[in-house]
């Protein structure tokens, strides 16, 4: 028998083994790609929430720092809403926009006695 008679047949046609992938090989490759995609997506799934929490902590700390500077310059802490006091003076907030919390979208409020931002403990 010649080699041609020992090769696989697909729907009545003679196929050379070096010509392509079999269905099982293709299935194995697709399965491996699916497993790798699942692992990669699982690694990055929770990172968005962590980044938003970190951004909230940074914004809160910046507002508290500006409130301390306000207190040193004026003798009292800024009033709420912050947009009408701290956010209205470019000396303290250059963009003149008090940011909102990236986690829940709420506005920051300050305790006018302590100068600390209230709420926003996203731990």
PDB file of N, CA and C in Angstrom:
ATOM      1  N   UNK A   1       0.824  -1.182   0.000  1.00  0.00           N
ATOM      2  CA  UNK A   1       0.000   0.000   0.000  1.00  0.00           C
ATOM      3  C   UNK A   1       0.869   1.247   0.000  1.00  0.00           C
ATOM      4  N   UNK A   2       0.379   2.208  -0.677  1.00  0.00           N
ATOM      5  CA  UNK A   2       1.118   3.465  -0.716  1.00  0.00           C
ATOM      6  C   UNK A   2       0.654   4.356   0.421  1.00  0.00           C
ATOM      7  N   UNK A   3       1.426   5.362   0.674  1.00  0.00           N
ATOM      8  CA  UNK A   3       1.120   6.297   1.762  1.00  0.00           C
ATOM      9  C   UNK A   3      -0.209   7.000   1.539  1.00  0.00           C
ATOM     10  N   UNK A   4      -0.564   7.225   0.317  1.00  0.00           N
ATOM     11  CA  UNK A   4      -1.797   7.918  -0.005  1.00  0.00           C
ATOM     12  C   UNK A   4      -3.017   7.166   0.518  1.00  0.00           C
ATOM     13  N   UNK A   5      -2.973   5.872   0.548  1.00  0.00           N
ATOM     14  CA  UNK A   5      -4.104   5.080   1.025  1.00  0.00           C
ATOM     15  C   UNK A   5      -4.192   5.032   2.542  1.00  0.00           C
ATOM     16  N   UNK A   6      -3.109   5.399   3.253  1.00  0.00           N
ATOM     17  CA  UNK A   6      -3.110   5.352   4.711  1.00  0.00           C
ATOM     18  C   UNK A   6      -3.500   6.684   5.355  1.00  0.00           C
ATOM     19  N   UNK A   7      -3.668   7.716   4.573  1.00  0.00           N
ATOM     20  CA  UNK A   7      -4.026   9.011   5.133  1.00  0.00           C
ATOM     21  C   UNK A   7      -5.506   9.058   5.500  1.00  0.00           C
ATOM     22  N   UNK A   8      -5.867  10.020   6.312  1.00  0.00           N
ATOM     23  CA  UNK A   8      -7.265  10.148   6.743  1.00  0.00           C
ATOM     24  C   UNK A   8      -8.125  10.650   5.602  1.00  0.00           C
ATOM     25  N   UNK A   9      -9.383  10.336   5.713  1.00  0.00           N
ATOM     26  CA  UNK A   9     -10.327  10.815   4.719  1.00  0.00           C
ATOM     27  C   UNK A   9     -11.351  11.705   5.408  1.00  0.00           C
ATOM     28  N   UNK A  10     -11.639  12.832   4.773  1.00  0.00           N
ATOM     29  CA  UNK A  10     -12.670  13.737   5.274  1.00  0.00           C
ATOM     30  C   UNK A  10     -13.685  13.924   4.171  1.00  0.00           C
ATOM     31  N   UNK A  11     -14.866  13.529   4.454  1.00  0.00           N
ATOM     32  CA  UNK A  11     -15.998  13.652   3.540  1.00  0.00           C
ATOM     33  C   UNK A  11     -15.581  13.283   2.114  1.00  0.00           C
ATOM     34  N   UNK A  12     -14.997  12.136   2.015  1.00  0.00           N
ATOM     35  CA  UNK A  12     -14.680  11.590   0.703  1.00  0.00           C
ATOM     36  C   UNK A  12     -13.439  12.135   0.042  1.00  0.00           C
ATOM     37  N   UNK A  13     -12.693  13.030   0.700  1.00  0.00           N
ATOM     38  CA  UNK A  13     -11.507  13.597   0.072  1.00  0.00           C
ATOM     39  C   UNK A  13     -10.264  13.114   0.790  1.00  0.00           C
ATOM     40  N   UNK A  14      -9.208  12.942   0.064  1.00  0.00           N
ATOM     41  CA  UNK A  14      -7.937  12.546   0.653  1.00  0.00           C
ATOM     42  C   UNK A  14      -7.245  13.802   1.167  1.00  0.00           C
ATOM     43  N   UNK A  15      -6.798  13.746   2.441  1.00  0.00           N
ATOM     44  CA  UNK A  15      -6.200  14.912   3.068  1.00  0.00           C
ATOM     45  C   UNK A  15      -4.781  14.558   3.491  1.00  0.00           C
ATOM     46  N   UNK A  16      -3.868  15.422   3.188  1.00  0.00           N
ATOM     47  CA  UNK A  16      -2.488  15.256   3.599  1.00  0.00           C
ATOM     48  C   UNK A  16      -2.374  15.707   5.048  1.00  0.00           C
ATOM     49  N   UNK A  17      -1.717  14.952   5.933  1.00  0.00           N
ATOM     50  CA  UNK A  17      -1.607  15.261   7.354  1.00  0.00           C
ATOM     51  C   UNK A  17      -0.909  16.587   7.617  1.00  0.00           C
ATOM     52  N   UNK A  18      -0.015  17.008   6.824  1.00  0.00           N
ATOM     53  CA  UNK A  18       0.731  18.240   7.070  1.00  0.00           C
ATOM     54  C   UNK A  18      -0.024  19.478   6.589  1.00  0.00           C
ATOM     55  N   UNK A  19      -1.230  19.333   6.146  1.00  0.00           N
ATOM     56  CA  UNK A  19      -1.966  20.425   5.532  1.00  0.00           C
ATOM     57  C   UNK A  19      -2.753  21.286   6.516  1.00  0.00           C
ATOM     58  N   UNK A  20      -3.088  20.852   7.689  1.00  0.00           N
ATOM     59  CA  UNK A  20      -3.888  21.647   8.614  1.00  0.00           C
ATOM     60  C   UNK A  20      -4.111  20.958   9.938  1.00  0.00           C
ATOM     61  N   UNK A  21      -5.008  21.513  10.725  1.00  0.00           N
ATOM     62  CA  UNK A  21      -5.334  20.978  12.040  1.00  0.00           C
ATOM     63  C   UNK A  21      -6.567  20.094  11.964  1.00  0.00           C
ATOM     64  N   UNK A  22      -6.570  19.078  12.795  1.00  0.00           N
ATOM     65  CA  UNK A  22      -7.775  18.259  12.897  1.00  0.00           C
ATOM     66  C   UNK A  22      -8.743  18.984  13.823  1.00  0.00           C
ATOM     67  N   UNK A  23      -9.933  18.518  13.868  1.00  0.00           N
ATOM     68  CA  UNK A  23     -10.963  19.128  14.723  1.00  0.00           C
ATOM     69  C   UNK A  23     -10.564  19.010  16.188  1.00  0.00           C
ATOM     70  N   UNK A  24      -9.951  17.933  16.604  1.00  0.00           N
ATOM     71  CA  UNK A  24      -9.520  17.755  17.994  1.00  0.00           C
ATOM     72  C   UNK A  24      -8.395  18.728  18.349  1.00  0.00           C
ATOM     73  N   UNK A  25      -7.470  18.929  17.454  1.00  0.00           N
ATOM     74  CA  UNK A  25      -6.396  19.880  17.704  1.00  0.00           C
ATOM     75  C   UNK A  25      -6.955  21.298  17.811  1.00  0.00           C
ATOM     76  N   UNK A  26      -7.860  21.636  16.955  1.00  0.00           N
ATOM     77  CA  UNK A  26      -8.488  22.945  16.992  1.00  0.00           C
ATOM     78  C   UNK A  26      -9.275  23.144  18.283  1.00  0.00           C
ATOM     79  N   UNK A  27      -9.988  22.120  18.703  1.00  0.00           N
ATOM     80  CA  UNK A  27     -10.746  22.170  19.948  1.00  0.00           C
ATOM     81  C   UNK A  27      -9.813  22.352  21.141  1.00  0.00           C
ATOM     82  N   UNK A  28      -8.677  21.690  21.134  1.00  0.00           N
ATOM     83  CA  UNK A  28      -7.709  21.822  22.225  1.00  0.00           C
ATOM     84  C   UNK A  28      -7.156  23.247  22.287  1.00  0.00           C
ATOM     85  N   UNK A  29      -6.854  23.834  21.141  1.00  0.00           N
ATOM     86  CA  UNK A  29      -6.330  25.198  21.097  1.00  0.00           C
ATOM     87  C   UNK A  29      -7.376  26.191  21.601  1.00  0.00           C
ATOM     88  N   UNK A  30      -8.608  26.063  21.173  1.00  0.00           N
ATOM     89  CA  UNK A  30      -9.680  26.958  21.608  1.00  0.00           C
ATOM     90  C   UNK A  30      -9.909  26.818  23.109  1.00  0.00           C
ATOM     91  N   UNK A  31      -9.844  25.601  23.617  1.00  0.00           N
ATOM     92  CA  UNK A  31     -10.016  25.369  25.054  1.00  0.00           C
ATOM     93  C   UNK A  31      -8.903  26.039  25.844  1.00  0.00           C
ATOM     94  N   UNK A  32      -7.670  25.906  25.394  1.00  0.00           N
ATOM     95  CA  UNK A  32      -6.547  26.539  26.089  1.00  0.00           C
ATOM     96  C   UNK A  32      -6.653  28.059  26.064  1.00  0.00           C
ATOM     97  N   UNK A  33      -7.061  28.616  24.957  1.00  0.00           N
ATOM     98  CA  UNK A  33      -7.247  30.062  24.873  1.00  0.00           C
ATOM     99  C   UNK A  33      -8.354  30.503  25.836  1.00  0.00           C
ATOM    100  N   UNK A  34      -9.416  29.750  25.929  1.00  0.00           N
ATOM    101  CA  UNK A  34     -10.501  30.064  26.859  1.00  0.00           C
ATOM    102  C   UNK A  34     -10.048  30.026  28.305  1.00  0.00           C
ATOM    103  N   UNK A  35      -9.238  29.040  28.657  1.00  0.00           N
ATOM    104  CA  UNK A  35      -8.723  28.931  30.028  1.00  0.00           C
ATOM    105  C   UNK A  35      -7.810  30.116  30.332  1.00  0.00           C
ATOM    106  N   UNK A  36      -6.925  30.453  29.416  1.00  0.00           N
ATOM    107  CA  UNK A  36      -6.028  31.590  29.621  1.00  0.00           C
ATOM    108  C   UNK A  36      -6.806  32.897  29.747  1.00  0.00           C
ATOM    109  N   UNK A  37      -7.827  33.083  28.933  1.00  0.00           N
ATOM    110  CA  UNK A  37      -8.641  34.298  29.006  1.00  0.00           C
ATOM    111  C   UNK A  37      -9.350  34.391  30.353  1.00  0.00           C
ATOM    112  N   UNK A  38      -9.845  33.281  30.858  1.00  0.00           N
ATOM    113  CA  UNK A  38     -10.522  33.261  32.153  1.00  0.00           C
ATOM    114  C   UNK A  38      -9.567  33.651  33.270  1.00  0.00           C
ATOM    115  N   UNK A  39      -8.354  33.122  33.236  1.00  0.00           N
ATOM    116  CA  UNK A  39      -7.368  33.438  34.268  1.00  0.00           C
ATOM    117  C   UNK A  39      -6.993  34.915  34.211  1.00  0.00           C
ATOM    118  N   UNK A  40      -6.767  35.448  33.025  1.00  0.00           N
ATOM    119  CA  UNK A  40      -6.388  36.860  32.882  1.00  0.00           C
ATOM    120  C   UNK A  40      -7.521  37.774  33.342  1.00  0.00           C
ATOM    121  N   UNK A  41      -8.743  37.481  32.951  1.00  0.00           N
ATOM    122  CA  UNK A  41      -9.875  38.320  33.360  1.00  0.00           C
ATOM    123  C   UNK A  41     -10.092  38.271  34.864  1.00  0.00           C
ATOM    124  N   UNK A  42      -9.882  37.115  35.473  1.00  0.00           N
ATOM    125  CA  UNK A  42     -10.055  36.991  36.919  1.00  0.00           C
ATOM    126  C   UNK A  42      -9.023  37.832  37.666  1.00  0.00           C
ATOM    127  N   UNK A  43      -7.830  37.967  37.124  1.00  0.00           N
ATOM    128  CA  UNK A  43      -6.785  38.770  37.765  1.00  0.00           C
ATOM    129  C   UNK A  43      -7.132  40.252  37.791  1.00  0.00           C
ATOM    130  N   UNK A  44      -7.822  40.742  36.766  1.00  0.00           N
ATOM    131  CA  UNK A  44      -8.103  42.161  36.653  1.00  0.00           C
ATOM    132  C   UNK A  44      -9.517  42.543  37.051  1.00  0.00           C
ATOM    133  N   UNK A  45     -10.335  41.607  37.461  1.00  0.00           N
ATOM    134  CA  UNK A  45     -11.755  41.876  37.728  1.00  0.00           C
ATOM    135  C   UNK A  45     -11.966  42.867  38.861  1.00  0.00           C
ATOM    136  N   UNK A  46     -11.257  42.746  39.974  1.00  0.00           N
ATOM    137  CA  UNK A  46     -11.493  43.604  41.131  1.00  0.00           C
ATOM    138  C   UNK A  46     -10.664  44.862  41.160  1.00  0.00           C
ATOM    139  N   UNK A  47      -9.842  45.087  40.193  1.00  0.00           N
ATOM    140  CA  UNK A  47      -8.930  46.226  40.211  1.00  0.00           C
ATOM    141  C   UNK A  47      -9.655  47.558  40.046  1.00  0.00           C
ATOM    142  N   UNK A  48     -10.748  47.591  39.339  1.00  0.00           N
ATOM    143  CA  UNK A  48     -11.472  48.840  39.114  1.00  0.00           C
ATOM    144  C   UNK A  48     -12.014  49.394  40.432  1.00  0.00           C
ATOM    145  N   UNK A  49     -12.592  48.528  41.249  1.00  0.00           N
ATOM    146  CA  UNK A  49     -13.131  48.971  42.540  1.00  0.00           C
ATOM    147  C   UNK A  49     -12.015  49.466  43.458  1.00  0.00           C
ATOM    148  N   UNK A  50     -10.888  48.777  43.459  1.00  0.00           N
ATOM    149  CA  UNK A  50      -9.756  49.188  44.293  1.00  0.00           C
ATOM    150  C   UNK A  50      -9.239  50.550  43.855  1.00  0.00           C
ATOM    151  N   UNK A  51      -9.155  50.777  42.563  1.00  0.00           N
ATOM    152  CA  UNK A  51      -8.678  52.067  42.051  1.00  0.00           C
ATOM    153  C   UNK A  51      -9.626  53.191  42.449  1.00  0.00           C
ATOM    154  N   UNK A  52     -10.925  52.946  42.384  1.00  0.00           N
ATOM    155  CA  UNK A  52     -11.893  53.975  42.778  1.00  0.00           C
ATOM    156  C   UNK A  52     -11.796  54.287  44.270  1.00  0.00           C
ATOM    157  N   UNK A  53     -11.606  53.262  45.096  1.00  0.00           N
ATOM    158  CA  UNK A  53     -11.461  53.483  46.539  1.00  0.00           C
ATOM    159  C   UNK A  53     -10.202  54.286  46.837  1.00  0.00           C
ATOM    160  N   UNK A  54      -9.106  53.948  46.153  1.00  0.00           N
ATOM    161  CA  UNK A  54      -7.862  54.691  46.357  1.00  0.00           C
ATOM    162  C   UNK A  54      -8.009  56.144  45.914  1.00  0.00           C
ATOM    163  N   UNK A  55      -8.699  56.379  44.817  1.00  0.00           N
ATOM    164  CA  UNK A  55      -8.927  57.747  44.345  1.00  0.00           C
ATOM    165  C   UNK A  55      -9.760  58.531  45.360  1.00  0.00           C
ATOM    166  N   UNK A  56     -10.733  57.888  45.964  1.00  0.00           N
ATOM    167  CA  UNK A  56     -11.553  58.555  46.986  1.00  0.00           C
ATOM    168  C   UNK A  56     -10.692  58.945  48.181  1.00  0.00           C
ATOM    169  N   UNK A  57      -9.819  58.052  48.631  1.00  0.00           N
ATOM    170  CA  UNK A  57      -8.944  58.351  49.764  1.00  0.00           C
ATOM    171  C   UNK A  57      -8.023  59.539  49.449  1.00  0.00           C
ATOM    172  N   UNK A  58      -7.505  59.575  48.230  1.00  0.00           N
ATOM    173  CA  UNK A  58      -6.617  60.668  47.832  1.00  0.00           C
ATOM    174  C   UNK A  58      -7.377  61.987  47.780  1.00  0.00           C
ATOM    175  N   UNK A  59      -8.561  61.978  47.193  1.00  0.00           N
ATOM    176  CA  UNK A  59      -9.359  63.205  47.112  1.00  0.00           C
ATOM    177  C   UNK A  59      -9.763  63.679  48.502  1.00  0.00           C
ATOM    178  N   UNK A  60     -10.150  62.755  49.350  1.00  0.00           N
ATOM    179  CA  UNK A  60     -10.542  63.105  50.718  1.00  0.00           C
ATOM    180  C   UNK A  60      -9.362  63.735  51.459  1.00  0.00           C
ATOM    181  N   UNK A  61      -8.174  63.144  51.317  1.00  0.00           N
ATOM    182  CA  UNK A  61      -6.979  63.685  51.978  1.00  0.00           C
ATOM    183  C   UNK A  61      -6.631  65.068  51.441  1.00  0.00           C
ATOM    184  N   UNK A  62      -6.801  65.273  50.137  1.00  0.00           N
ATOM    185  CA  UNK A  62      -6.516  66.582  49.556  1.00  0.00           C
ATOM    186  C   UNK A  62      -7.483  67.642  50.082  1.00  0.00           C
ATOM    187  N   UNK A  63      -8.755  67.301  50.174  1.00  0.00           N
ATOM    188  CA  UNK A  63      -9.744  68.249  50.702  1.00  0.00           C
ATOM    189  C   UNK A  63      -9.433  68.580  52.160  1.00  0.00           C
ATOM    190  N   UNK A  64      -9.066  67.573  52.957  1.00  0.00           N
ATOM    191  CA  UNK A  64      -8.726  67.813  54.355  1.00  0.00           C
ATOM    192  C   UNK A  64      -7.480  68.693  54.484  1.00  0.00           C
ATOM    193  N   UNK A  65      -6.505  68.482  53.607  1.00  0.00           N
ATOM    194  CA  UNK A  65      -5.305  69.314  53.620  1.00  0.00           C
ATOM    195  C   UNK A  65      -5.646  70.767  53.284  1.00  0.00           C
ATOM    196  N   UNK A  66      -6.466  70.955  52.260  1.00  0.00           N
ATOM    197  CA  UNK A  66      -6.874  72.313  51.886  1.00  0.00           C
ATOM    198  C   UNK A  66      -7.700  72.961  52.993  1.00  0.00           C
ATOM    199  N   UNK A  67      -8.503  72.163  53.700  1.00  0.00           N
ATOM    200  CA  UNK A  67      -9.294  72.696  54.821  1.00  0.00           C
ATOM    201  C   UNK A  67      -8.374  73.141  55.956  1.00  0.00           C
ATOM    202  N   UNK A  68      -7.286  72.422  56.184  1.00  0.00           N
ATOM    203  CA  UNK A  68      -6.326  72.822  57.217  1.00  0.00           C
ATOM    204  C   UNK A  68      -5.636  74.134  56.839  1.00  0.00           C
ATOM    205  N   UNK A  69      -5.290  74.273  55.564  1.00  0.00           N
ATOM    206  CA  UNK A  69      -4.677  75.522  55.101  1.00  0.00           C
ATOM    207  C   UNK A  69      -5.679  76.670  55.230  1.00  0.00           C
ATOM    208  N   UNK A  70      -6.952  76.397  54.863  1.00  0.00           N
ATOM    209  CA  UNK A  70      -8.018  77.399  55.016  1.00  0.00           C
ATOM    210  C   UNK A  70      -8.113  77.838  56.480  1.00  0.00           C
ATOM    211  N   UNK A  71      -8.088  76.866  57.394  1.00  0.00           N
ATOM    212  CA  UNK A  71      -8.186  77.148  58.826  1.00  0.00           C
ATOM    213  C   UNK A  71      -7.014  78.021  59.286  1.00  0.00           C
ATOM    214  N   UNK A  72      -5.810  77.703  58.823  1.00  0.00           N
ATOM    215  CA  UNK A  72      -4.633  78.480  59.204  1.00  0.00           C
ATOM    216  C   UNK A  72      -4.734  79.918  58.693  1.00  0.00           C
ATOM    217  N   UNK A  73      -5.270  80.067  57.494  1.00  0.00           N
ATOM    218  CA  UNK A  73      -5.365  81.413  56.908  1.00  0.00           C
ATOM    219  C   UNK A  73      -6.552  82.223  57.434  1.00  0.00           C
ATOM    220  N   UNK A  74      -7.666  81.574  57.751  1.00  0.00           N
ATOM    221  CA  UNK A  74      -8.906  82.310  58.064  1.00  0.00           C
ATOM    222  C   UNK A  74      -9.410  82.116  59.491  1.00  0.00           C
ATOM    223  N   UNK A  75      -8.851  81.147  60.219  1.00  0.00           N
ATOM    224  CA  UNK A  75      -9.249  80.960  61.610  1.00  0.00           C
ATOM    225  C   UNK A  75     -10.457  80.063  61.823  1.00  0.00           C
ATOM    226  N   UNK A  76     -11.060  79.555  60.770  1.00  0.00           N
ATOM    227  CA  UNK A  76     -12.181  78.621  60.891  1.00  0.00           C
ATOM    228  C   UNK A  76     -12.139  77.672  59.683  1.00  0.00           C
ATOM    229  N   UNK A  77     -12.808  76.558  59.829  1.00  0.00           N
ATOM    230  CA  UNK A  77     -12.856  75.612  58.719  1.00  0.00           C
ATOM    231  C   UNK A  77     -13.882  76.065  57.683  1.00  0.00           C
ATOM    232  N   UNK A  78     -13.717  75.664  56.438  1.00  0.00           N
ATOM    233  CA  UNK A  78     -14.684  76.055  55.401  1.00  0.00           C
ATOM    234  C   UNK A  78     -16.066  75.481  55.702  1.00  0.00           C
ATOM    235  N   UNK A  79     -17.082  76.144  55.196  1.00  0.00           N
ATOM    236  CA  UNK A  79     -18.455  75.700  55.425  1.00  0.00           C
ATOM    237  C   UNK A  79     -18.903  74.753  54.322  1.00  0.00           C
ATOM    238  N   UNK A  80     -20.009  74.083  54.594  1.00  0.00           N
ATOM    239  CA  UNK A  80     -20.630  73.202  53.595  1.00  0.00           C
ATOM    240  C   UNK A  80     -21.731  73.973  52.894  1.00  0.00           C
ATOM    241  N   UNK A  81     -22.022  73.793  51.660  1.00  0.00           N
ATOM    242  CA  UNK A  81     -21.320  72.910  50.740  1.00  0.00           C
ATOM    243  C   UNK A  81     -19.950  73.475  50.391  1.00  0.00           C
ATOM    244  N   UNK A  82     -19.002  72.591  50.188  1.00  0.00           N
ATOM    245  CA  UNK A  82     -17.620  72.992  49.936  1.00  0.00           C
ATOM    246  C   UNK A  82     -17.467  73.805  48.653  1.00  0.00           C
ATOM    247  N   UNK A  83     -18.357  73.591  47.711  1.00  0.00           N
ATOM    248  CA  UNK A  83     -18.272  74.322  46.437  1.00  0.00           C
ATOM    249  C   UNK A  83     -18.429  75.822  46.642  1.00  0.00           C
ATOM    250  N   UNK A  84     -19.184  76.229  47.671  1.00  0.00           N
ATOM    251  CA  UNK A  84     -19.398  77.664  47.897  1.00  0.00           C
ATOM    252  C   UNK A  84     -18.339  78.277  48.802  1.00  0.00           C
ATOM    253  N   UNK A  85     -17.509  77.476  49.438  1.00  0.00           N
ATOM    254  CA  UNK A  85     -16.456  78.035  50.292  1.00  0.00           C
ATOM    255  C   UNK A  85     -15.076  77.659  49.739  1.00  0.00           C
ATOM    256  N   UNK A  86     -14.648  76.473  50.011  1.00  0.00           N
ATOM    257  CA  UNK A  86     -13.326  76.006  49.578  1.00  0.00           C
ATOM    258  C   UNK A  86     -13.210  75.959  48.057  1.00  0.00           C
ATOM    259  N   UNK A  87     -14.259  75.519  47.388  1.00  0.00           N
ATOM    260  CA  UNK A  87     -14.236  75.398  45.936  1.00  0.00           C
ATOM    261  C   UNK A  87     -14.407  76.712  45.197  1.00  0.00           C
ATOM    262  N   UNK A  88     -14.727  77.791  45.921  1.00  0.00           N
ATOM    263  CA  UNK A  88     -14.924  79.085  45.270  1.00  0.00           C
ATOM    264  C   UNK A  88     -13.653  79.923  45.260  1.00  0.00           C
ATOM    265  N   UNK A  89     -12.595  79.412  45.868  1.00  0.00           N
ATOM    266  CA  UNK A  89     -11.339  80.154  45.953  1.00  0.00           C
ATOM    267  C   UNK A  89     -10.241  79.355  45.256  1.00  0.00           C
ATOM    268  N   UNK A  90      -9.698  79.904  44.176  1.00  0.00           N
ATOM    269  CA  UNK A  90      -8.680  79.199  43.383  1.00  0.00           C
ATOM    270  C   UNK A  90      -7.380  79.009  44.153  1.00  0.00           C
ATOM    271  N   UNK A  91      -7.214  79.690  45.277  1.00  0.00           N
ATOM    272  CA  UNK A  91      -6.029  79.501  46.110  1.00  0.00           C
ATOM    273  C   UNK A  91      -6.008  78.086  46.685  1.00  0.00           C
ATOM    274  N   UNK A  92      -7.188  77.544  46.981  1.00  0.00           N
ATOM    275  CA  UNK A  92      -7.283  76.240  47.629  1.00  0.00           C
ATOM    276  C   UNK A  92      -7.597  75.124  46.641  1.00  0.00           C
ATOM    277  N   UNK A  93      -8.521  75.342  45.767  1.00  0.00           N
ATOM    278  CA  UNK A  93      -8.884  74.363  44.738  1.00  0.00           C
ATOM    279  C   UNK A  93      -8.687  75.046  43.390  1.00  0.00           C
ATOM    280  N   UNK A  94      -7.547  74.824  42.738  1.00  0.00           N
ATOM    281  CA  UNK A  94      -7.229  75.561  41.494  1.00  0.00           C
ATOM    282  C   UNK A  94      -8.273  75.424  40.395  1.00  0.00           C
ATOM    283  N   UNK A  95      -8.900  74.270  40.272  1.00  0.00           N
ATOM    284  CA  UNK A  95      -9.895  74.076  39.215  1.00  0.00           C
ATOM    285  C   UNK A  95     -11.253  74.674  39.575  1.00  0.00           C
ATOM    286  N   UNK A  96     -11.407  75.108  40.827  1.00  0.00           N
ATOM    287  CA  UNK A  96     -12.668  75.628  41.348  1.00  0.00           C
ATOM    288  C   UNK A  96     -13.802  74.612  41.244  1.00  0.00           C
ATOM    289  N   UNK A  97     -13.451  73.340  41.297  1.00  0.00           N
ATOM    290  CA  UNK A  97     -14.444  72.261  41.254  1.00  0.00           C
ATOM    291  C   UNK A  97     -14.101  71.256  42.342  1.00  0.00           C
ATOM    292  N   UNK A  98     -14.999  71.092  43.289  1.00  0.00           N
ATOM    293  CA  UNK A  98     -14.821  70.060  44.310  1.00  0.00           C
ATOM    294  C   UNK A  98     -15.186  68.723  43.660  1.00  0.00           C
ATOM    295  N   UNK A  99     -14.276  67.759  43.662  1.00  0.00           N
ATOM    296  CA  UNK A  99     -14.591  66.473  43.021  1.00  0.00           C
ATOM    297  C   UNK A  99     -15.657  65.708  43.798  1.00  0.00           C
ATOM    298  N   UNK A 100     -16.303  64.801  43.107  1.00  0.00           N
ATOM    299  CA  UNK A 100     -17.246  63.899  43.769  1.00  0.00           C
ATOM    300  C   UNK A 100     -16.560  62.562  43.983  1.00  0.00           C
ATOM    301  N   UNK A 101     -17.101  61.794  44.888  1.00  0.00           N
ATOM    302  CA  UNK A 101     -16.534  60.484  45.216  1.00  0.00           C
ATOM    303  C   UNK A 101     -16.621  59.561  44.003  1.00  0.00           C
ATOM    304  N   UNK A 102     -15.501  58.971  43.564  1.00  0.00           N
ATOM    305  CA  UNK A 102     -15.545  58.070  42.415  1.00  0.00           C
ATOM    306  C   UNK A 102     -16.218  56.729  42.721  1.00  0.00           C
ATOM    307  N   UNK A 103     -16.370  56.392  43.989  1.00  0.00           N
ATOM    308  CA  UNK A 103     -16.994  55.110  44.347  1.00  0.00           C
ATOM    309  C   UNK A 103     -18.502  55.189  44.232  1.00  0.00           C
ATOM    310  N   UNK A 104     -19.108  56.209  44.860  1.00  0.00           N
ATOM    311  CA  UNK A 104     -20.569  56.280  44.873  1.00  0.00           C
ATOM    312  C   UNK A 104     -21.134  57.579  44.283  1.00  0.00           C
ATOM    313  N   UNK A 105     -20.283  58.496  43.853  1.00  0.00           N
ATOM    314  CA  UNK A 105     -20.733  59.711  43.187  1.00  0.00           C
ATOM    315  C   UNK A 105     -21.272  60.797  44.106  1.00  0.00           C
ATOM    316  N   UNK A 106     -21.164  60.621  45.411  1.00  0.00           N
ATOM    317  CA  UNK A 106     -21.675  61.626  46.340  1.00  0.00           C
ATOM    318  C   UNK A 106     -20.673  62.765  46.504  1.00  0.00           C
ATOM    319  N   UNK A 107     -21.169  63.894  47.004  1.00  0.00           N
ATOM    320  CA  UNK A 107     -20.289  65.036  47.237  1.00  0.00           C
ATOM    321  C   UNK A 107     -19.626  64.880  48.597  1.00  0.00           C
ATOM    322  N   UNK A 108     -18.472  65.488  48.718  1.00  0.00           N
ATOM    323  CA  UNK A 108     -17.753  65.463  49.984  1.00  0.00           C
ATOM    324  C   UNK A 108     -18.293  66.567  50.889  1.00  0.00           C
ATOM    325  N   UNK A 109     -18.463  66.252  52.155  1.00  0.00           N
ATOM    326  CA  UNK A 109     -18.829  67.247  53.159  1.00  0.00           C
ATOM    327  C   UNK A 109     -17.776  67.210  54.250  1.00  0.00           C
ATOM    328  N   UNK A 110     -17.639  68.327  54.933  1.00  0.00           N
ATOM    329  CA  UNK A 110     -16.589  68.453  55.924  1.00  0.00           C
ATOM    330  C   UNK A 110     -17.201  68.763  57.284  1.00  0.00           C
ATOM    331  N   UNK A 111     -16.604  68.227  58.322  1.00  0.00           N
ATOM    332  CA  UNK A 111     -16.997  68.562  59.679  1.00  0.00           C
ATOM    333  C   UNK A 111     -16.376  69.923  59.980  1.00  0.00           C
ATOM    334  N   UNK A 112     -17.195  70.925  60.181  1.00  0.00           N
ATOM    335  CA  UNK A 112     -16.692  72.290  60.351  1.00  0.00           C
ATOM    336  C   UNK A 112     -16.018  72.516  61.702  1.00  0.00           C
ATOM    337  N   UNK A 113     -16.048  71.522  62.568  1.00  0.00           N
ATOM    338  CA  UNK A 113     -15.359  71.624  63.855  1.00  0.00           C
ATOM    339  C   UNK A 113     -13.964  71.013  63.795  1.00  0.00           C
ATOM    340  N   UNK A 114     -13.836  69.892  63.080  1.00  0.00           N
ATOM    341  CA  UNK A 114     -12.551  69.172  63.035  1.00  0.00           C
ATOM    342  C   UNK A 114     -11.798  69.334  61.720  1.00  0.00           C
ATOM    343  N   UNK A 115     -12.490  69.717  60.659  1.00  0.00           N
ATOM    344  CA  UNK A 115     -11.853  69.836  59.354  1.00  0.00           C
ATOM    345  C   UNK A 115     -11.717  68.516  58.619  1.00  0.00           C
ATOM    346  N   UNK A 116     -12.332  67.477  59.141  1.00  0.00           N
ATOM    347  CA  UNK A 116     -12.257  66.150  58.529  1.00  0.00           C
ATOM    348  C   UNK A 116     -13.445  65.924  57.592  1.00  0.00           C
ATOM    349  N   UNK A 117     -13.190  65.215  56.489  1.00  0.00           N
ATOM    350  CA  UNK A 117     -14.262  64.848  55.579  1.00  0.00           C
ATOM    351  C   UNK A 117     -15.103  63.781  56.255  1.00  0.00           C
ATOM    352  N   UNK A 118     -16.414  63.959  56.228  1.00  0.00           N
ATOM    353  CA  UNK A 118     -17.315  62.985  56.873  1.00  0.00           C
ATOM    354  C   UNK A 118     -17.711  61.925  55.865  1.00  0.00           C
ATOM    355  N   UNK A 119     -17.888  60.713  56.353  1.00  0.00           N
ATOM    356  CA  UNK A 119     -18.251  59.592  55.494  1.00  0.00           C
ATOM    357  C   UNK A 119     -17.074  59.158  54.624  1.00  0.00           C
ATOM    358  N   UNK A 120     -17.348  58.460  53.585  1.00  0.00           N
ATOM    359  CA  UNK A 120     -16.378  58.031  52.595  1.00  0.00           C
ATOM    360  C   UNK A 120     -15.309  57.096  53.182  1.00  0.00           C
ATOM    361  N   UNK A 121     -15.721  56.204  54.053  1.00  0.00           N
ATOM    362  CA  UNK A 121     -14.817  55.157  54.545  1.00  0.00           C
ATOM    363  C   UNK A 121     -15.115  53.905  53.743  1.00  0.00           C
ATOM    364  N   UNK A 122     -14.436  53.751  52.625  1.00  0.00           N
ATOM    365  CA  UNK A 122     -14.723  52.655  51.704  1.00  0.00           C
ATOM    366  C   UNK A 122     -13.826  51.435  51.920  1.00  0.00           C
ATOM    367  N   UNK A 123     -13.405  51.200  53.138  1.00  0.00           N
ATOM    368  CA  UNK A 123     -12.506  50.074  53.383  1.00  0.00           C
ATOM    369  C   UNK A 123     -13.197  48.796  53.345  1.00  0.00           C
TER     370      UNK A 123
END
